[in-house]
Amino acid sequence: MNAQMNSAGICKLKTSQEIDLKSKIYITAYLLFLACGTTYSQKFLQKTNIQGSIGGLVSSDITTPFLLRSNQYGLIPLKSGIGFLNLNIQQEYDSLYTINKKLKRFDYGYGIETHLNYGRVNQVLLPVAHLKMRYGAFQLYGGRRREIQGLVDTLGTMGSYIWSGNALPMPKIEISIPNYTPITKNGLLAIKGNFAHGWFGKGDSVQNVWLHQKSFYARIGKPSWKVHLIGGFNHQVQWGGLPTMPFYDDITKQTISKFGRDFQTFLKVSSGVSLNKNGNAFNNPNGIPGNEATNRAGNHLGTIDMGLQLAVAKLNIFIYRQSFYEDGSLFYLNNIADGLYGISISKQNGFLSKICLEYLNTKNQGGELFEWIPELRGRDNYFYNSLYKDGWIYKGQVIGTPLIIPFNQIKTDLHSRKTLLNNRGTSLNATIYSNLQNVKFITQILFSKNLGNYSEKLNSHQFCMLQKISIPYKNLRMNLALSFDSGQLLNKTIGANIGIGYNIL
């Protein structure tokens, strides 16, 4: 067996056939050895948690049902018929506050997670590997970890639009205020946000692409109030890199072999300032493509979010909306009809603990026409870019909402090209959390109407359903997830994910 690690933390197992039994035993023994060695060290690191799990995934079709694999941080492959092993070691901050309710100035944490898939797909994944330090309200973080961006019910959502946890976590360095922190003495106004640099690594169309990411959110309302207003934005940019194949740019009459990645370009990327601000778009000796010279460096996208939190009787209610931007359509309100709308209602006690309802609309995109006048600035083509043709994708998985689906994941008879995205449509999702004693249930129902995109249109309906059951027994937790897909977009299939989790420490 020959294993080679790539820049995404994926170790693909190089075999002429599937992994043999001897290789599986070696890998299993390694994970158990790592767990035992770390358990021994717990005499000195009492805050460290260790969890392991083992299981398998089967389905009636070669593909895994949609809701079993979406928003799983890239751990569940498209192809079914696999076994998996997972080991997760993490140390969270001891506490934000001391016994005297004073904020502890300094603390640190870390995490590492290994995940093995074997069978029809053979991989060793590293979804988590990070170190973080906190000083007061500020946090410095480096590595890769699970995260979601945007105002959303992170547990009940069908997927936050821009950063949903659908793809393998991307390596980043980041400085942030991770929790809402009061900036007024009475706590009426609190803020949080982040500023990060990340690495896409190698892609099909562009190599060594960088990520610029920032966010800012504000909350109005004292901590003791029953009503809080929340608003903010996040800004994501794919930028820099080297085209896999240099190309001739008809607009500037130059051969483009690299995209700008110097400090001046970074300032333009982070500020969103147009490269054509001074009107000299075509007088650029640095080989800037015409598409960027007349606009901005990189592929810019993100959301502007609004939310309302209410505490009514024994219920906690969260209402939110995410609005999308990629060029100028949202500024001119051309695509204002598009958005992710959600309401989440939860309570602590009782059989029914939470229900989350969401509606996603991506079919407008500013209209079918694109002209350089505000009223006709359409065809946003969400998650796609003419220079970064891989799109808003990391290692084959969409970074944002999984409801924007690459064409190579849908029925092959529905499209003629596999490089485009099914990014226009509407979706309605309901997620229900319930529990009976210590047994937890999660039910998810998803309807979607899929229209393809403005270049290659579809008209396909899809229904997906997921039922999860989690049963604890001492330090074990037995997990069963059943799901099926029925409709015109995805292969008709029914599948199950069966696993056992163990709290080692």
Protein backbone atom coordinates (compact mmCIF):
# COMPACT_ATOMS: atom_id res chain seq x y z
CA MET A 1 0.00 0.00 0.00
CA ASN A 2 1.36 3.42 -0.95
CA ALA A 3 -0.28 6.44 0.68
CA GLN A 4 0.35 10.01 -0.41
CA MET A 5 -0.88 13.08 1.51
CA ASN A 6 -2.08 16.05 -0.51
CA SER A 7 -2.43 19.70 0.51
CA ALA A 8 -6.03 19.22 1.63
CA GLY A 9 -5.19 16.72 4.32
CA ILE A 10 -6.45 13.81 2.21
CA CYS A 11 -4.32 10.72 2.05
CA LYS A 12 -5.54 8.66 -0.89
CA LEU A 13 -4.60 5.01 -0.55
CA LYS A 14 -2.82 3.99 -3.72
CA THR A 15 -3.78 0.38 -4.46
CA SER A 16 -4.42 -1.55 -7.63
CA GLN A 17 -7.53 -2.92 -5.94
CA GLU A 18 -9.34 -2.14 -2.71
CA ILE A 19 -7.38 -2.11 0.58
CA ASP A 20 -6.43 -5.65 1.62
CA LEU A 21 -7.16 -7.03 5.05
CA LYS A 22 -3.57 -6.66 6.25
CA SER A 23 -3.56 -2.94 5.45
CA LYS A 24 -6.85 -2.46 7.28
CA ILE A 25 -5.43 -4.15 10.36
CA TYR A 26 -2.33 -1.94 10.30
CA ILE A 27 -4.40 1.24 10.05
CA THR A 28 -6.80 0.13 12.79
CA ALA A 29 -3.88 -0.75 15.07
CA TYR A 30 -2.32 2.65 14.46
CA LEU A 31 -5.50 4.50 15.43
CA LEU A 32 -5.93 2.40 18.57
CA PHE A 33 -2.27 2.96 19.51
CA LEU A 34 -2.72 6.70 19.09
CA ALA A 35 -5.85 6.63 21.25
CA CYS A 36 -4.17 4.58 24.01
CA GLY A 37 -1.09 6.78 24.03
CA THR A 38 -3.18 9.90 24.31
CA THR A 39 -5.34 8.34 27.04
CA TYR A 40 -2.21 7.74 29.14
CA SER A 41 -1.34 11.43 28.88
CA GLN A 42 -4.66 12.43 30.41
CA LYS A 43 -3.10 12.35 33.87
CA PHE A 44 -1.60 15.67 32.86
CA LEU A 45 -4.22 17.02 30.44
CA GLN A 46 -7.55 16.72 32.21
CA LYS A 47 -9.38 18.97 29.71
CA THR A 48 -8.68 16.77 26.69
CA ASN A 49 -11.57 14.77 25.21
CA ILE A 50 -11.06 11.66 23.08
CA GLN A 51 -13.77 10.02 21.00
CA GLY A 52 -13.65 7.16 18.54
CA SER A 53 -16.20 5.63 16.19
CA ILE A 54 -16.48 2.74 13.77
CA GLY A 55 -19.18 1.87 11.27
CA GLY A 56 -20.26 1.36 7.71
CA LEU A 57 -22.45 2.80 4.98
CA VAL A 58 -24.49 0.82 2.44
CA SER A 59 -27.17 1.71 -0.09
CA SER A 60 -29.28 0.16 -2.82
CA ASP A 61 -27.43 2.18 -5.47
CA ILE A 62 -23.76 2.94 -6.04
CA THR A 63 -24.36 6.49 -4.79
CA THR A 64 -24.88 7.54 -1.18
CA PRO A 65 -28.25 9.19 -0.39
CA PHE A 66 -27.97 12.98 -0.48
CA LEU A 67 -28.79 13.73 3.17
CA LEU A 68 -26.34 11.10 4.41
CA ARG A 69 -23.41 12.81 2.70
CA SER A 70 -24.30 16.52 2.67
CA ASN A 71 -22.90 18.82 5.37
CA GLN A 72 -20.59 16.07 6.64
CA TYR A 73 -17.35 18.04 6.12
CA GLY A 74 -16.37 15.88 3.17
CA LEU A 75 -16.11 12.67 5.20
CA ILE A 76 -18.90 10.73 3.43
CA PRO A 77 -18.07 10.02 -0.24
CA LEU A 78 -20.47 10.07 -3.16
CA LYS A 79 -20.01 6.33 -3.67
CA SER A 80 -21.60 3.99 -1.15
CA GLY A 81 -20.35 0.70 0.21
CA ILE A 82 -17.67 1.77 2.68
CA GLY A 83 -16.52 1.14 6.22
CA PHE A 84 -15.05 3.91 8.35
CA LEU A 85 -12.93 4.53 11.42
CA ASN A 86 -12.72 7.90 13.18
CA LEU A 87 -10.63 9.19 16.06
CA ASN A 88 -11.10 12.71 17.46
CA ILE A 89 -8.86 14.31 20.09
CA GLN A 90 -9.51 17.86 21.25
CA GLN A 91 -8.86 20.20 24.10
CA GLU A 92 -11.26 23.11 24.44
CA TYR A 93 -10.74 26.18 26.56
CA ASP A 94 -11.10 25.40 30.26
CA SER A 95 -13.48 28.30 30.84
CA LEU A 96 -14.01 31.83 29.67
CA TYR A 97 -14.51 33.01 33.23
CA THR A 98 -12.94 32.38 36.63
CA ILE A 99 -14.84 31.54 39.83
CA ASN A 100 -15.04 35.27 40.55
CA LYS A 101 -16.72 35.86 37.17
CA LYS A 102 -13.63 37.60 35.83
CA LEU A 103 -12.52 36.84 32.31
CA LYS A 104 -9.44 34.64 32.17
CA ARG A 105 -6.85 36.41 30.08
CA PHE A 106 -5.15 33.48 28.38
CA ASP A 107 -5.98 29.92 27.41
CA TYR A 108 -5.29 27.52 24.55
CA GLY A 109 -6.88 24.60 22.79
CA TYR A 110 -6.17 22.14 20.01
CA GLY A 111 -7.79 19.41 17.98
CA ILE A 112 -6.82 16.56 15.69
CA GLU A 113 -9.12 14.13 13.93
CA THR A 114 -8.33 11.27 11.59
CA HIS A 115 -10.96 9.54 9.47
CA LEU A 116 -10.49 6.40 7.40
CA ASN A 117 -12.81 5.30 4.60
CA TYR A 118 -12.20 1.86 3.10
CA GLY A 119 -14.10 -0.21 0.58
CA ARG A 120 -15.44 1.25 -2.65
CA VAL A 121 -13.62 4.49 -1.77
CA ASN A 122 -10.26 4.39 0.05
CA GLN A 123 -9.12 7.51 1.89
CA VAL A 124 -7.46 8.73 5.03
CA LEU A 125 -8.80 12.22 5.81
CA LEU A 126 -7.60 14.84 8.25
CA PRO A 127 -10.65 17.09 8.76
CA VAL A 128 -9.35 18.62 11.99
CA ALA A 129 -5.78 19.64 12.86
CA HIS A 130 -5.49 22.98 14.61
CA LEU A 131 -4.03 24.97 17.47
CA LYS A 132 -5.77 28.00 18.94
CA MET A 133 -4.95 30.55 21.61
CA ARG A 134 -7.24 33.05 23.33
CA TYR A 135 -6.25 36.29 24.99
CA GLY A 136 -9.24 38.10 26.42
CA ALA A 137 -11.90 38.30 23.74
CA PHE A 138 -9.44 37.64 20.89
CA GLN A 139 -8.50 34.30 19.40
CA LEU A 140 -5.60 33.29 17.14
CA TYR A 141 -6.13 30.05 15.25
CA GLY A 142 -4.18 28.04 12.70
CA GLY A 143 -4.99 24.80 10.90
CA ARG A 144 -8.26 23.23 9.83
CA ARG A 145 -11.43 22.70 11.86
CA ARG A 146 -15.18 22.31 11.49
CA GLU A 147 -16.98 25.63 11.13
CA ILE A 148 -20.04 27.32 9.63
CA GLN A 149 -20.37 30.97 8.58
CA GLY A 150 -23.55 33.01 8.43
CA LEU A 151 -26.59 33.54 10.65
CA VAL A 152 -28.31 30.16 10.72
CA ASP A 153 -29.44 27.38 13.02
CA THR A 154 -26.19 25.44 12.70
CA LEU A 155 -27.77 22.11 13.73
CA GLY A 156 -31.13 22.24 11.96
CA THR A 157 -30.19 23.97 8.72
CA MET A 158 -30.14 22.40 5.26
CA GLY A 159 -26.87 24.33 4.88
CA SER A 160 -25.71 27.90 5.45
CA TYR A 161 -25.44 29.47 2.01
CA ILE A 162 -21.77 30.50 1.86
CA TRP A 163 -19.98 28.13 4.28
CA SER A 164 -22.06 25.15 5.34
CA GLY A 165 -19.69 22.42 6.47
CA ASN A 166 -20.31 20.46 3.28
CA ALA A 167 -16.65 20.35 2.19
CA LEU A 168 -13.52 19.15 3.93
CA PRO A 169 -12.31 21.99 6.20
CA MET A 170 -9.79 24.27 4.52
CA PRO A 171 -6.46 25.14 6.22
CA LYS A 172 -6.47 28.74 7.47
CA ILE A 173 -4.80 31.18 9.81
CA GLU A 174 -7.23 33.51 11.53
CA ILE A 175 -7.60 36.19 14.14
CA SER A 176 -11.12 36.60 15.49
CA ILE A 177 -13.53 37.61 18.20
CA PRO A 178 -15.38 34.26 18.22
CA ASN A 179 -18.08 35.15 20.76
CA TYR A 180 -20.36 38.16 21.00
CA THR A 181 -18.38 40.62 23.11
CA PRO A 182 -19.97 43.75 24.62
CA ILE A 183 -18.47 47.07 23.52
CA THR A 184 -20.74 49.10 25.79
CA LYS A 185 -20.74 48.93 29.58
CA ASN A 186 -24.37 47.85 29.81
CA GLY A 187 -23.91 45.16 27.15
CA LEU A 188 -26.47 46.73 24.82
CA LEU A 189 -24.18 46.33 21.80
CA ALA A 190 -21.95 43.30 21.25
CA ILE A 191 -19.81 42.30 18.26
CA LYS A 192 -17.99 39.28 16.82
CA GLY A 193 -16.04 38.62 13.62
CA ASN A 194 -12.98 37.14 11.97
CA PHE A 195 -10.17 37.93 9.50
CA ALA A 196 -8.50 34.94 7.84
CA HIS A 197 -6.17 33.74 5.10
CA GLY A 198 -6.60 30.24 3.68
CA TRP A 199 -5.26 27.85 1.05
CA PHE A 200 -7.34 26.09 -1.60
CA GLY A 201 -4.28 24.19 -2.82
CA LYS A 202 -4.34 22.50 -6.20
CA GLY A 203 -7.38 22.65 -8.45
CA ASP A 204 -8.23 21.59 -11.99
CA SER A 205 -8.28 25.06 -13.54
CA VAL A 206 -6.03 27.10 -11.20
CA GLN A 207 -3.24 25.96 -8.89
CA ASN A 208 -2.31 27.34 -5.46
CA VAL A 209 -5.38 29.54 -5.02
CA TRP A 210 -5.66 31.58 -1.82
CA LEU A 211 -8.69 32.40 0.31
CA HIS A 212 -9.42 35.76 1.88
CA GLN A 213 -12.19 35.67 4.47
CA LYS A 214 -13.64 38.13 6.93
CA SER A 215 -16.90 38.63 8.78
CA PHE A 216 -18.51 41.11 11.15
CA TYR A 217 -21.71 40.66 13.14
CA ALA A 218 -23.36 42.88 15.75
CA ARG A 219 -26.01 42.07 18.33
CA ILE A 220 -28.32 44.68 19.84
CA GLY A 221 -29.85 43.87 23.22
CA LYS A 222 -28.58 43.34 26.74
CA PRO A 223 -27.76 39.70 27.65
CA SER A 224 -30.72 39.62 30.04
CA TRP A 225 -33.20 40.86 27.41
CA LYS A 226 -35.65 38.46 25.79
CA VAL A 227 -35.27 40.10 22.38
CA HIS A 228 -32.02 40.47 20.39
CA LEU A 229 -31.47 41.88 16.91
CA ILE A 230 -28.50 40.55 14.95
CA GLY A 231 -27.01 41.72 11.67
CA GLY A 232 -23.78 41.45 9.74
CA PHE A 233 -21.94 40.18 6.69
CA ASN A 234 -19.22 37.83 5.55
CA HIS A 235 -16.84 38.31 2.64
CA GLN A 236 -15.08 35.44 0.84
CA VAL A 237 -12.57 35.77 -2.02
CA GLN A 238 -10.79 33.21 -4.18
CA TRP A 239 -7.66 34.97 -5.43
CA GLY A 240 -4.10 34.52 -6.68
CA GLY A 241 -2.86 31.27 -8.14
CA LEU A 242 -1.47 30.00 -11.42
CA PRO A 243 -3.69 28.88 -14.32
CA THR A 244 -3.11 25.19 -14.99
CA MET A 245 -2.81 26.11 -18.66
CA PRO A 246 -1.69 29.69 -19.51
CA PHE A 247 -4.23 31.35 -21.80
CA TYR A 248 -4.44 34.27 -24.21
CA ASP A 249 -6.74 37.05 -23.03
CA ASP A 250 -8.60 38.61 -25.97
CA ILE A 251 -9.44 41.79 -24.04
CA THR A 252 -5.93 42.80 -22.96
CA LYS A 253 -4.08 40.96 -25.77
CA GLN A 254 -1.77 39.27 -23.27
CA THR A 255 -0.90 35.73 -22.30
CA ILE A 256 -1.96 35.12 -18.69
CA SER A 257 0.25 32.74 -16.74
CA LYS A 258 -0.45 33.93 -13.19
CA PHE A 259 -2.94 35.97 -11.22
CA GLY A 260 -1.88 38.82 -8.96
CA ARG A 261 -0.86 37.84 -5.43
CA ASP A 262 1.38 40.69 -4.23
CA PHE A 263 0.61 42.93 -1.27
CA GLN A 264 -1.04 45.61 -3.39
CA THR A 265 -3.36 43.00 -4.86
CA PHE A 266 -4.13 41.75 -1.35
CA LEU A 267 -5.14 45.28 -0.31
CA LYS A 268 -7.51 45.44 -3.28
CA VAL A 269 -8.86 41.97 -2.53
CA SER A 270 -9.50 42.63 1.16
CA SER A 271 -11.04 46.08 0.59
CA GLY A 272 -13.05 45.07 -2.48
CA VAL A 273 -11.75 48.11 -4.40
CA SER A 274 -12.00 47.81 -8.17
CA LEU A 275 -8.78 47.50 -10.16
CA ASN A 276 -10.35 49.95 -12.62
CA LYS A 277 -10.91 52.65 -10.04
CA ASN A 278 -8.65 55.10 -11.92
CA GLY A 279 -9.96 54.14 -15.34
CA ASN A 280 -6.80 52.43 -16.62
CA ALA A 281 -8.09 48.89 -16.89
CA PHE A 282 -6.39 48.07 -20.18
CA ASN A 283 -3.05 49.71 -19.43
CA ASN A 284 -1.76 46.95 -17.19
CA PRO A 285 1.74 45.62 -17.83
CA ASN A 286 1.36 43.00 -15.07
CA GLY A 287 -0.70 40.58 -17.12
CA ILE A 288 -4.01 41.16 -15.34
CA PRO A 289 -6.88 39.46 -17.25
CA GLY A 290 -9.48 41.81 -18.69
CA ASN A 291 -12.20 40.23 -16.56
CA GLU A 292 -10.35 41.37 -13.41
CA ALA A 293 -8.89 44.58 -14.84
CA THR A 294 -12.37 45.98 -15.42
CA ASN A 295 -13.70 44.69 -12.12
CA ARG A 296 -11.98 43.25 -9.00
CA ALA A 297 -9.12 40.87 -8.36
CA GLY A 298 -10.41 37.44 -7.48
CA ASN A 299 -13.82 35.83 -7.14
CA HIS A 300 -15.81 37.74 -4.48
CA LEU A 301 -18.91 36.31 -2.83
CA GLY A 302 -20.70 36.24 0.51
CA THR A 303 -23.90 37.02 2.37
CA ILE A 304 -25.52 39.87 4.26
CA ASP A 305 -27.50 38.48 7.18
CA MET A 306 -30.23 39.60 9.54
CA GLY A 307 -31.65 37.76 12.54
CA LEU A 308 -34.06 38.06 15.46
CA GLN A 309 -33.80 36.05 18.69
CA LEU A 310 -36.80 35.81 21.02
CA ALA A 311 -37.33 34.13 24.38
CA VAL A 312 -41.08 33.59 24.73
CA ALA A 313 -42.40 31.57 27.67
CA LYS A 314 -40.22 28.45 27.61
CA LEU A 315 -39.39 28.73 23.89
CA ASN A 316 -36.31 30.11 22.15
CA ILE A 317 -37.13 31.42 18.68
CA PHE A 318 -34.56 32.35 16.05
CA ILE A 319 -35.65 33.98 12.78
CA TYR A 320 -33.04 34.71 10.10
CA ARG A 321 -32.43 35.64 6.49
CA GLN A 322 -29.30 35.45 4.37
CA SER A 323 -29.03 37.58 1.21
CA PHE A 324 -26.46 36.61 -1.44
CA TYR A 325 -23.96 38.69 -3.39
CA GLU A 326 -21.42 37.81 -6.10
CA ASP A 327 -21.18 40.90 -8.32
CA GLY A 328 -23.43 43.94 -8.12
CA SER A 329 -26.93 42.47 -8.27
CA LEU A 330 -27.64 42.75 -4.55
CA PHE A 331 -26.39 46.35 -4.45
CA TYR A 332 -28.99 47.21 -7.08
CA LEU A 333 -31.55 44.86 -5.44
CA ASN A 334 -31.82 42.85 -8.65
CA ASN A 335 -31.55 39.52 -6.83
CA ILE A 336 -33.25 40.57 -3.59
CA ALA A 337 -35.83 37.78 -4.06
CA ASP A 338 -33.08 35.20 -3.59
CA GLY A 339 -32.11 34.22 -0.08
CA LEU A 340 -32.12 31.67 2.72
CA TYR A 341 -35.06 32.16 5.10
CA GLY A 342 -35.30 30.26 8.37
CA ILE A 343 -37.11 29.94 11.68
CA SER A 344 -35.95 27.73 14.53
CA ILE A 345 -38.06 27.03 17.65
CA SER A 346 -36.53 25.10 20.54
CA LYS A 347 -37.10 24.27 24.19
CA GLN A 348 -35.11 22.35 26.78
CA ASN A 349 -37.66 19.89 28.14
CA GLY A 350 -40.22 17.62 26.50
CA PHE A 351 -40.37 15.07 23.72
CA LEU A 352 -40.08 17.68 20.95
CA SER A 353 -36.96 19.77 21.55
CA LYS A 354 -36.51 21.68 18.28
CA ILE A 355 -38.01 22.30 14.88
CA CYS A 356 -36.25 24.23 12.12
CA LEU A 357 -37.99 25.31 8.91
CA GLU A 358 -36.06 26.81 5.98
CA TYR A 359 -36.72 28.06 2.47
CA LEU A 360 -33.91 28.57 -0.06
CA ASN A 361 -34.39 30.55 -3.27
CA THR A 362 -31.55 30.83 -5.80
CA LYS A 363 -33.50 31.00 -9.06
CA ASN A 364 -33.47 34.76 -9.73
CA GLN A 365 -29.75 35.63 -9.78
CA GLY A 366 -30.52 39.15 -11.00
CA GLY A 367 -32.33 37.94 -14.10
CA GLU A 368 -31.30 36.18 -17.29
CA LEU A 369 -29.75 39.23 -18.97
CA PHE A 370 -26.36 40.73 -18.17
CA GLU A 371 -25.59 44.26 -19.31
CA TRP A 372 -23.38 46.97 -17.81
CA ILE A 373 -26.39 48.86 -16.57
CA PRO A 374 -27.83 48.37 -13.08
CA GLU A 375 -31.30 47.16 -14.11
CA LEU A 376 -29.93 44.32 -16.27
CA ARG A 377 -26.98 43.18 -14.17
CA GLY A 378 -28.05 39.55 -13.95
CA ARG A 379 -26.74 36.03 -14.57
CA ASP A 380 -24.86 35.95 -11.27
CA ASN A 381 -24.24 32.22 -11.79
CA TYR A 382 -23.82 31.50 -8.09
CA PHE A 383 -20.59 29.75 -7.04
CA TYR A 384 -19.14 29.89 -10.56
CA ASN A 385 -16.39 32.18 -11.93
CA SER A 386 -14.99 32.46 -15.45
CA LEU A 387 -11.36 32.49 -14.23
CA TYR A 388 -11.65 30.16 -11.22
CA LYS A 389 -13.63 27.58 -13.15
CA ASP A 390 -13.60 24.97 -10.40
CA GLY A 391 -16.05 27.31 -8.68
CA TRP A 392 -16.78 27.67 -4.97
CA ILE A 393 -15.60 24.11 -4.44
CA TYR A 394 -12.88 22.58 -2.27
CA LYS A 395 -11.58 19.12 -3.18
CA GLY A 396 -14.68 18.17 -5.15
CA GLN A 397 -17.26 19.38 -2.60
CA VAL A 398 -19.24 22.63 -2.65
CA ILE A 399 -18.14 24.84 0.24
CA GLY A 400 -21.53 26.50 0.58
CA THR A 401 -25.05 25.11 0.53
CA PRO A 402 -25.10 21.50 -0.73
CA LEU A 403 -28.29 22.38 -2.66
CA ILE A 404 -26.04 23.94 -5.30
CA ILE A 405 -24.92 20.63 -6.79
CA PRO A 406 -22.09 19.94 -9.29
CA PHE A 407 -23.41 18.34 -12.46
CA ASN A 408 -21.14 15.33 -11.98
CA GLN A 409 -23.23 14.36 -8.91
CA ILE A 410 -26.63 14.25 -10.62
CA LYS A 411 -28.17 11.83 -13.13
CA THR A 412 -25.93 11.61 -16.18
CA ASP A 413 -28.81 11.88 -18.66
CA LEU A 414 -29.75 15.37 -17.40
CA HIS A 415 -26.75 17.31 -18.68
CA SER A 416 -24.15 17.44 -21.43
CA ARG A 417 -21.30 19.11 -19.52
CA LYS A 418 -19.93 18.08 -16.12
CA THR A 419 -18.16 21.31 -15.19
CA LEU A 420 -21.25 23.39 -14.40
CA LEU A 421 -23.41 23.71 -11.32
CA ASN A 422 -27.09 23.18 -10.67
CA ASN A 423 -27.34 26.57 -8.96
CA ARG A 424 -30.87 27.79 -9.73
CA GLY A 425 -33.87 26.51 -7.84
CA THR A 426 -35.93 26.50 -4.68
CA SER A 427 -35.78 24.21 -1.64
CA LEU A 428 -37.94 23.67 1.44
CA ASN A 429 -36.49 21.90 4.45
CA ALA A 430 -37.81 20.77 7.84
CA THR A 431 -35.60 19.34 10.59
CA ILE A 432 -37.17 18.02 13.80
CA TYR A 433 -35.31 17.08 16.99
CA SER A 434 -37.00 14.87 19.55
CA ASN A 435 -35.97 12.61 22.40
CA LEU A 436 -37.46 9.81 24.45
CA GLN A 437 -35.57 9.43 27.70
CA ASN A 438 -31.95 9.24 26.50
CA VAL A 439 -32.73 8.17 22.93
CA LYS A 440 -32.37 11.04 20.45
CA PHE A 441 -34.19 11.31 17.12
CA ILE A 442 -33.52 13.65 14.19
CA THR A 443 -35.93 13.75 11.25
CA GLN A 444 -35.16 15.77 8.12
CA ILE A 445 -37.40 16.25 5.07
CA LEU A 446 -36.23 18.13 1.98
CA PHE A 447 -38.11 19.13 -1.20
CA SER A 448 -36.30 20.89 -4.04
CA LYS A 449 -37.05 22.18 -7.52
CA ASN A 450 -33.89 22.28 -9.63
CA LEU A 451 -33.56 24.52 -12.67
CA GLY A 452 -29.91 23.94 -13.58
CA ASN A 453 -28.38 27.30 -14.55
CA TYR A 454 -29.05 29.96 -17.16
CA SER A 455 -26.67 28.27 -19.64
CA GLU A 456 -27.95 24.72 -19.20
CA LYS A 457 -31.49 24.57 -17.90
CA LEU A 458 -33.22 21.76 -16.02
CA ASN A 459 -36.68 21.24 -14.58
CA SER A 460 -36.31 18.48 -12.01
CA HIS A 461 -38.01 17.85 -8.68
CA GLN A 462 -36.37 15.99 -5.83
CA PHE A 463 -37.48 14.57 -2.46
CA CYS A 464 -35.03 13.45 0.24
CA MET A 465 -35.65 12.15 3.74
CA LEU A 466 -33.37 11.29 6.65
CA GLN A 467 -34.06 9.63 10.01
CA LYS A 468 -31.36 9.44 12.68
CA ILE A 469 -31.53 7.51 15.95
CA SER A 470 -28.89 7.72 18.66
CA ILE A 471 -28.95 5.34 21.64
CA PRO A 472 -26.50 5.68 24.56
CA TYR A 473 -25.15 2.75 26.54
CA LYS A 474 -22.52 3.49 29.22
CA ASN A 475 -19.62 5.08 27.30
CA LEU A 476 -21.00 3.90 23.97
CA ARG A 477 -23.44 5.57 21.62
CA MET A 478 -25.08 3.53 18.88
CA ASN A 479 -26.02 5.58 15.82
CA LEU A 480 -28.32 4.64 12.96
CA ALA A 481 -29.19 6.89 10.03
CA LEU A 482 -31.65 5.84 7.29
CA SER A 483 -32.17 7.96 4.18
CA PHE A 484 -33.65 7.77 0.71
CA ASP A 485 -33.74 9.88 -2.45
CA SER A 486 -36.69 9.94 -4.81
CA GLY A 487 -37.09 12.29 -7.75
CA GLN A 488 -35.80 13.38 -11.13
CA LEU A 489 -32.41 14.91 -10.19
CA LEU A 490 -30.56 12.25 -8.19
CA ASN A 491 -30.36 8.49 -8.54
CA LYS A 492 -33.18 6.76 -6.69
CA THR A 493 -31.62 5.09 -3.67
CA ILE A 494 -32.11 4.09 -0.06
CA GLY A 495 -29.19 3.76 2.32
CA ALA A 496 -28.07 3.40 5.91
CA ASN A 497 -25.16 4.65 8.01
CA ILE A 498 -24.58 2.40 11.04
CA GLY A 499 -21.95 3.20 13.62
CA ILE A 500 -20.84 2.95 17.24
CA GLY A 501 -19.19 5.85 19.01
CA TYR A 502 -17.06 5.53 22.13
CA ASN A 503 -16.05 8.24 24.61
CA ILE A 504 -12.53 7.11 25.37
CA LEU A 505 -12.07 9.95 27.83
